[in-house]
Amino acid sequence: MTLLYVEDEDVARMAVGAFLKRQVGTLLLAKDGQDGLEQFQMHHPDIVVSDLEMPVMNGMQMVHKMRELDNGTPIIITTAYDDEAHACPEADRVIIKPIMFNDLLASILDCIAERAARAN
């Protein structure tokens, strides 16, 4: 499985990235929404995990553009905000920060299972 993790905070990207690297076959890291979109287009990951508030292109804009390119890729949003203004209806899951690794892994596995079920 190839997973794209998009996070603008270096410490979070490295910490969560280190956890994810042990869980997936290939891990792609991106530092903002524009970088994430470019990697999405180049590598066609199986799943995307992304922060919402980022510079250059925020997570909502990135997710919208990804959905225009491929509506089937599962997308999990991570955010510190739990309000209507930060809702991302195009995402498959939303995880409120701080990220609990077990919750993140469960969400990833659920999304992959749902995608496989839709394919059958």
N, C-alpha and C. Protein backbone atom coordinates (compact mmCIF):
# COMPACT_ATOMS: atom_id res chain seq x y z
N MET A 1 0.84 -1.17 0.00
CA MET A 1 0.00 0.00 0.00
C MET A 1 0.89 1.24 0.00
N THR A 2 0.50 2.22 -0.79
CA THR A 2 1.19 3.51 -0.82
C THR A 2 0.32 4.55 -0.14
N LEU A 3 0.88 5.23 0.83
CA LEU A 3 0.16 6.25 1.59
C LEU A 3 0.87 7.59 1.43
N LEU A 4 0.10 8.63 1.15
CA LEU A 4 0.60 9.99 1.08
C LEU A 4 0.19 10.71 2.35
N TYR A 5 1.17 11.22 3.10
CA TYR A 5 0.91 11.98 4.33
C TYR A 5 1.31 13.42 4.10
N VAL A 6 0.33 14.33 4.24
CA VAL A 6 0.53 15.75 3.98
C VAL A 6 0.40 16.51 5.30
N GLU A 7 1.48 17.16 5.73
CA GLU A 7 1.50 17.88 7.01
C GLU A 7 2.55 18.97 6.93
N ASP A 8 2.15 20.21 7.26
CA ASP A 8 3.09 21.32 7.16
C ASP A 8 4.03 21.44 8.35
N GLU A 9 3.66 20.93 9.51
CA GLU A 9 4.53 21.01 10.68
C GLU A 9 5.59 19.91 10.62
N ASP A 10 6.84 20.32 10.58
CA ASP A 10 7.94 19.36 10.42
C ASP A 10 7.96 18.27 11.48
N VAL A 11 7.78 18.66 12.74
CA VAL A 11 7.85 17.68 13.84
C VAL A 11 6.73 16.65 13.72
N ALA A 12 5.53 17.11 13.45
CA ALA A 12 4.39 16.19 13.28
C ALA A 12 4.60 15.29 12.07
N ARG A 13 5.06 15.89 10.95
CA ARG A 13 5.29 15.10 9.73
C ARG A 13 6.31 13.99 9.99
N MET A 14 7.36 14.29 10.73
CA MET A 14 8.38 13.29 11.01
C MET A 14 7.89 12.23 12.00
N ALA A 15 7.18 12.67 13.05
CA ALA A 15 6.72 11.72 14.08
C ALA A 15 5.64 10.78 13.53
N VAL A 16 4.62 11.35 12.92
CA VAL A 16 3.55 10.53 12.37
C VAL A 16 4.08 9.74 11.18
N GLY A 17 4.95 10.38 10.39
CA GLY A 17 5.56 9.68 9.27
C GLY A 17 6.34 8.45 9.69
N ALA A 18 7.08 8.55 10.77
CA ALA A 18 7.84 7.40 11.28
C ALA A 18 6.91 6.25 11.65
N PHE A 19 5.78 6.57 12.29
CA PHE A 19 4.79 5.54 12.63
C PHE A 19 4.21 4.92 11.37
N LEU A 20 3.79 5.77 10.42
CA LEU A 20 3.16 5.28 9.20
C LEU A 20 4.12 4.42 8.37
N LYS A 21 5.39 4.78 8.36
CA LYS A 21 6.38 4.04 7.57
C LYS A 21 6.45 2.58 8.01
N ARG A 22 6.21 2.33 9.28
CA ARG A 22 6.22 0.95 9.79
C ARG A 22 4.93 0.20 9.45
N GLN A 23 3.89 0.93 9.01
CA GLN A 23 2.58 0.32 8.78
C GLN A 23 2.26 0.07 7.31
N VAL A 24 2.91 0.80 6.41
CA VAL A 24 2.55 0.73 4.99
C VAL A 24 3.75 0.33 4.15
N GLY A 25 3.49 -0.05 2.90
CA GLY A 25 4.58 -0.43 2.01
C GLY A 25 5.42 0.75 1.60
N THR A 26 4.76 1.81 1.11
CA THR A 26 5.47 3.00 0.64
C THR A 26 4.83 4.23 1.26
N LEU A 27 5.66 5.08 1.84
CA LEU A 27 5.17 6.32 2.45
C LEU A 27 5.71 7.50 1.66
N LEU A 28 4.80 8.36 1.24
CA LEU A 28 5.15 9.62 0.58
C LEU A 28 4.85 10.75 1.55
N LEU A 29 5.76 11.70 1.68
CA LEU A 29 5.56 12.83 2.58
C LEU A 29 5.47 14.12 1.77
N ALA A 30 4.54 15.00 2.17
CA ALA A 30 4.39 16.30 1.52
C ALA A 30 4.28 17.37 2.60
N LYS A 31 4.81 18.57 2.30
CA LYS A 31 4.90 19.64 3.30
C LYS A 31 3.75 20.64 3.24
N ASP A 32 2.91 20.59 2.21
CA ASP A 32 1.75 21.48 2.11
C ASP A 32 0.80 20.92 1.05
N GLY A 33 -0.34 21.56 0.88
CA GLY A 33 -1.34 21.06 -0.05
C GLY A 33 -0.87 21.01 -1.49
N GLN A 34 -0.11 22.01 -1.92
CA GLN A 34 0.39 22.00 -3.30
C GLN A 34 1.33 20.83 -3.53
N ASP A 35 2.25 20.62 -2.60
CA ASP A 35 3.17 19.49 -2.67
C ASP A 35 2.38 18.18 -2.64
N GLY A 36 1.37 18.11 -1.78
CA GLY A 36 0.54 16.91 -1.69
C GLY A 36 -0.18 16.62 -3.00
N LEU A 37 -0.75 17.65 -3.61
CA LEU A 37 -1.46 17.47 -4.88
C LEU A 37 -0.49 16.99 -5.97
N GLU A 38 0.69 17.57 -6.03
CA GLU A 38 1.67 17.16 -7.03
C GLU A 38 2.08 15.70 -6.84
N GLN A 39 2.29 15.29 -5.59
CA GLN A 39 2.67 13.89 -5.32
C GLN A 39 1.51 12.94 -5.63
N PHE A 40 0.29 13.39 -5.35
CA PHE A 40 -0.91 12.61 -5.66
C PHE A 40 -0.97 12.34 -7.16
N GLN A 41 -0.73 13.37 -7.96
CA GLN A 41 -0.78 13.24 -9.41
C GLN A 41 0.35 12.35 -9.94
N MET A 42 1.52 12.43 -9.35
CA MET A 42 2.67 11.64 -9.80
C MET A 42 2.61 10.17 -9.38
N HIS A 43 2.17 9.93 -8.13
CA HIS A 43 2.32 8.59 -7.55
C HIS A 43 1.01 7.81 -7.39
N HIS A 44 -0.14 8.46 -7.50
CA HIS A 44 -1.44 7.79 -7.35
C HIS A 44 -1.49 6.89 -6.11
N PRO A 45 -1.36 7.46 -4.91
CA PRO A 45 -1.33 6.64 -3.69
C PRO A 45 -2.67 5.92 -3.47
N ASP A 46 -2.61 4.88 -2.65
CA ASP A 46 -3.81 4.12 -2.31
C ASP A 46 -4.68 4.86 -1.30
N ILE A 47 -4.06 5.72 -0.49
CA ILE A 47 -4.78 6.47 0.54
C ILE A 47 -4.00 7.75 0.86
N VAL A 48 -4.73 8.78 1.28
CA VAL A 48 -4.13 10.06 1.64
C VAL A 48 -4.52 10.40 3.07
N VAL A 49 -3.56 10.84 3.86
CA VAL A 49 -3.81 11.38 5.20
C VAL A 49 -3.26 12.80 5.17
N SER A 50 -4.10 13.77 5.53
CA SER A 50 -3.66 15.16 5.38
C SER A 50 -4.16 16.06 6.50
N ASP A 51 -3.31 17.01 6.85
CA ASP A 51 -3.70 18.11 7.72
C ASP A 51 -4.68 18.99 6.95
N LEU A 52 -5.38 19.83 7.65
CA LEU A 52 -6.35 20.72 7.01
C LEU A 52 -5.80 22.12 6.83
N GLU A 53 -5.24 22.69 7.90
CA GLU A 53 -4.71 24.06 7.84
C GLU A 53 -3.24 24.03 7.47
N MET A 54 -2.95 24.46 6.23
CA MET A 54 -1.58 24.45 5.72
C MET A 54 -1.36 25.68 4.84
N PRO A 55 -0.11 26.09 4.69
CA PRO A 55 0.18 27.20 3.78
C PRO A 55 0.14 26.74 2.31
N VAL A 56 0.24 27.66 1.42
CA VAL A 56 0.28 27.47 -0.03
C VAL A 56 -1.08 27.00 -0.56
N MET A 57 -1.54 25.83 -0.14
CA MET A 57 -2.86 25.31 -0.48
C MET A 57 -3.36 24.55 0.74
N ASN A 58 -4.53 24.92 1.27
CA ASN A 58 -5.00 24.23 2.46
C ASN A 58 -5.57 22.85 2.11
N GLY A 59 -5.84 22.09 3.13
CA GLY A 59 -6.31 20.72 2.94
C GLY A 59 -7.63 20.62 2.20
N MET A 60 -8.57 21.53 2.46
CA MET A 60 -9.85 21.48 1.76
C MET A 60 -9.68 21.70 0.25
N GLN A 61 -8.86 22.67 -0.11
CA GLN A 61 -8.60 22.92 -1.53
C GLN A 61 -7.91 21.72 -2.17
N MET A 62 -6.95 21.16 -1.48
CA MET A 62 -6.23 20.00 -2.00
C MET A 62 -7.16 18.81 -2.19
N VAL A 63 -8.00 18.53 -1.18
CA VAL A 63 -8.93 17.41 -1.27
C VAL A 63 -9.89 17.60 -2.44
N HIS A 64 -10.39 18.81 -2.60
CA HIS A 64 -11.32 19.09 -3.70
C HIS A 64 -10.65 18.79 -5.04
N LYS A 65 -9.42 19.23 -5.22
CA LYS A 65 -8.70 18.99 -6.48
C LYS A 65 -8.40 17.50 -6.66
N MET A 66 -8.08 16.80 -5.56
CA MET A 66 -7.84 15.36 -5.65
C MET A 66 -9.10 14.64 -6.07
N ARG A 67 -10.24 15.04 -5.51
CA ARG A 67 -11.52 14.41 -5.86
C ARG A 67 -11.87 14.62 -7.33
N GLU A 68 -11.49 15.76 -7.88
CA GLU A 68 -11.72 16.00 -9.31
C GLU A 68 -10.89 15.04 -10.16
N LEU A 69 -9.71 14.68 -9.68
CA LEU A 69 -8.82 13.78 -10.41
C LEU A 69 -9.18 12.31 -10.20
N ASP A 70 -9.57 11.94 -8.98
CA ASP A 70 -9.84 10.54 -8.63
C ASP A 70 -10.74 10.53 -7.40
N ASN A 71 -11.99 10.23 -7.63
CA ASN A 71 -12.97 10.26 -6.53
C ASN A 71 -12.91 9.01 -5.65
N GLY A 72 -12.13 8.01 -6.03
CA GLY A 72 -12.12 6.75 -5.29
C GLY A 72 -11.05 6.60 -4.24
N THR A 73 -10.05 7.47 -4.24
CA THR A 73 -8.97 7.35 -3.26
C THR A 73 -9.45 7.79 -1.89
N PRO A 74 -9.32 6.93 -0.88
CA PRO A 74 -9.72 7.34 0.47
C PRO A 74 -8.84 8.47 0.99
N ILE A 75 -9.49 9.44 1.65
CA ILE A 75 -8.77 10.58 2.21
C ILE A 75 -9.18 10.76 3.66
N ILE A 76 -8.19 10.81 4.53
CA ILE A 76 -8.40 11.04 5.96
C ILE A 76 -7.82 12.40 6.30
N ILE A 77 -8.62 13.24 6.92
CA ILE A 77 -8.19 14.58 7.34
C ILE A 77 -7.84 14.54 8.82
N THR A 78 -6.71 15.18 9.16
CA THR A 78 -6.36 15.38 10.57
C THR A 78 -6.41 16.88 10.83
N THR A 79 -7.04 17.26 11.92
CA THR A 79 -7.19 18.68 12.21
C THR A 79 -7.31 18.92 13.70
N ALA A 80 -6.87 20.07 14.13
CA ALA A 80 -7.02 20.47 15.53
C ALA A 80 -8.38 21.15 15.75
N TYR A 81 -9.10 21.42 14.67
CA TYR A 81 -10.36 22.16 14.75
C TYR A 81 -11.55 21.22 14.65
N ASP A 82 -12.48 21.38 15.55
CA ASP A 82 -13.69 20.56 15.56
C ASP A 82 -14.90 21.49 15.47
N ASP A 83 -14.99 22.22 14.37
CA ASP A 83 -16.11 23.13 14.18
C ASP A 83 -16.58 23.09 12.73
N GLU A 84 -17.72 23.69 12.47
CA GLU A 84 -18.33 23.66 11.14
C GLU A 84 -17.44 24.31 10.08
N ALA A 85 -16.73 25.36 10.44
CA ALA A 85 -15.88 26.06 9.49
C ALA A 85 -14.74 25.18 8.97
N HIS A 86 -14.40 24.16 9.72
CA HIS A 86 -13.30 23.28 9.33
C HIS A 86 -13.80 21.89 8.91
N ALA A 87 -15.08 21.78 8.62
CA ALA A 87 -15.62 20.50 8.15
C ALA A 87 -15.13 20.26 6.73
N CYS A 88 -14.86 19.04 6.41
CA CYS A 88 -14.39 18.67 5.06
C CYS A 88 -15.24 17.49 4.58
N PRO A 89 -16.41 17.79 4.02
CA PRO A 89 -17.34 16.72 3.63
C PRO A 89 -16.79 15.79 2.54
N GLU A 90 -15.78 16.22 1.80
CA GLU A 90 -15.22 15.36 0.75
C GLU A 90 -14.26 14.31 1.31
N ALA A 91 -13.91 14.42 2.59
CA ALA A 91 -13.01 13.44 3.21
C ALA A 91 -13.80 12.21 3.65
N ASP A 92 -13.12 11.08 3.68
CA ASP A 92 -13.75 9.84 4.14
C ASP A 92 -13.80 9.76 5.66
N ARG A 93 -12.81 10.33 6.31
CA ARG A 93 -12.72 10.34 7.77
C ARG A 93 -12.07 11.64 8.22
N VAL A 94 -12.39 12.04 9.45
CA VAL A 94 -11.74 13.19 10.07
C VAL A 94 -11.25 12.74 11.45
N ILE A 95 -9.99 13.01 11.73
CA ILE A 95 -9.41 12.69 13.02
C ILE A 95 -9.00 14.00 13.68
N ILE A 96 -9.47 14.21 14.89
CA ILE A 96 -9.15 15.43 15.63
C ILE A 96 -7.80 15.23 16.34
N LYS A 97 -6.93 16.21 16.17
CA LYS A 97 -5.62 16.18 16.82
C LYS A 97 -5.76 16.46 18.30
N PRO A 98 -4.89 15.94 19.14
CA PRO A 98 -3.68 15.21 18.80
C PRO A 98 -4.01 13.82 18.24
N ILE A 99 -3.21 13.39 17.30
CA ILE A 99 -3.44 12.11 16.62
C ILE A 99 -3.04 10.96 17.54
N MET A 100 -3.99 10.07 17.74
CA MET A 100 -3.71 8.82 18.45
C MET A 100 -3.39 7.78 17.38
N PHE A 101 -2.20 7.21 17.43
CA PHE A 101 -1.75 6.32 16.37
C PHE A 101 -2.71 5.15 16.14
N ASN A 102 -3.27 4.58 17.21
CA ASN A 102 -4.20 3.46 17.04
C ASN A 102 -5.46 3.90 16.29
N ASP A 103 -5.96 5.11 16.57
CA ASP A 103 -7.14 5.62 15.86
C ASP A 103 -6.82 5.87 14.39
N LEU A 104 -5.64 6.40 14.12
CA LEU A 104 -5.23 6.65 12.75
C LEU A 104 -5.12 5.33 11.98
N LEU A 105 -4.46 4.36 12.57
CA LEU A 105 -4.31 3.06 11.91
C LEU A 105 -5.67 2.41 11.67
N ALA A 106 -6.56 2.46 12.65
CA ALA A 106 -7.91 1.90 12.48
C ALA A 106 -8.65 2.59 11.34
N SER A 107 -8.53 3.91 11.25
CA SER A 107 -9.19 4.65 10.17
C SER A 107 -8.63 4.26 8.81
N ILE A 108 -7.31 4.11 8.73
CA ILE A 108 -6.68 3.70 7.47
C ILE A 108 -7.18 2.32 7.05
N LEU A 109 -7.19 1.39 7.98
CA LEU A 109 -7.65 0.03 7.67
C LEU A 109 -9.12 0.01 7.27
N ASP A 110 -9.95 0.79 7.95
CA ASP A 110 -11.38 0.89 7.61
C ASP A 110 -11.57 1.44 6.19
N CYS A 111 -10.83 2.50 5.87
CA CYS A 111 -10.95 3.10 4.54
C CYS A 111 -10.52 2.13 3.45
N ILE A 112 -9.44 1.41 3.68
CA ILE A 112 -8.96 0.44 2.68
C ILE A 112 -9.97 -0.70 2.53
N ALA A 113 -10.53 -1.16 3.64
CA ALA A 113 -11.53 -2.23 3.58
C ALA A 113 -12.78 -1.77 2.83
N GLU A 114 -13.22 -0.54 3.09
CA GLU A 114 -14.39 -0.01 2.38
C GLU A 114 -14.12 0.12 0.88
N ARG A 115 -12.92 0.55 0.54
CA ARG A 115 -12.57 0.68 -0.88
C ARG A 115 -12.57 -0.69 -1.55
N ALA A 116 -12.02 -1.69 -0.87
CA ALA A 116 -12.00 -3.04 -1.42
C ALA A 116 -13.41 -3.60 -1.59
N ALA A 117 -14.28 -3.32 -0.62
CA ALA A 117 -15.67 -3.79 -0.70
C ALA A 117 -16.40 -3.14 -1.88
N ARG A 118 -16.13 -1.85 -2.13
CA ARG A 118 -16.76 -1.17 -3.27
C ARG A 118 -16.28 -1.75 -4.59
N ALA A 119 -15.02 -2.20 -4.62
CA ALA A 119 -14.45 -2.74 -5.86
C ALA A 119 -15.03 -4.11 -6.21
N ASN A 120 -15.55 -4.81 -5.22
CA ASN A 120 -16.10 -6.17 -5.45
C ASN A 120 -17.53 -6.14 -5.80
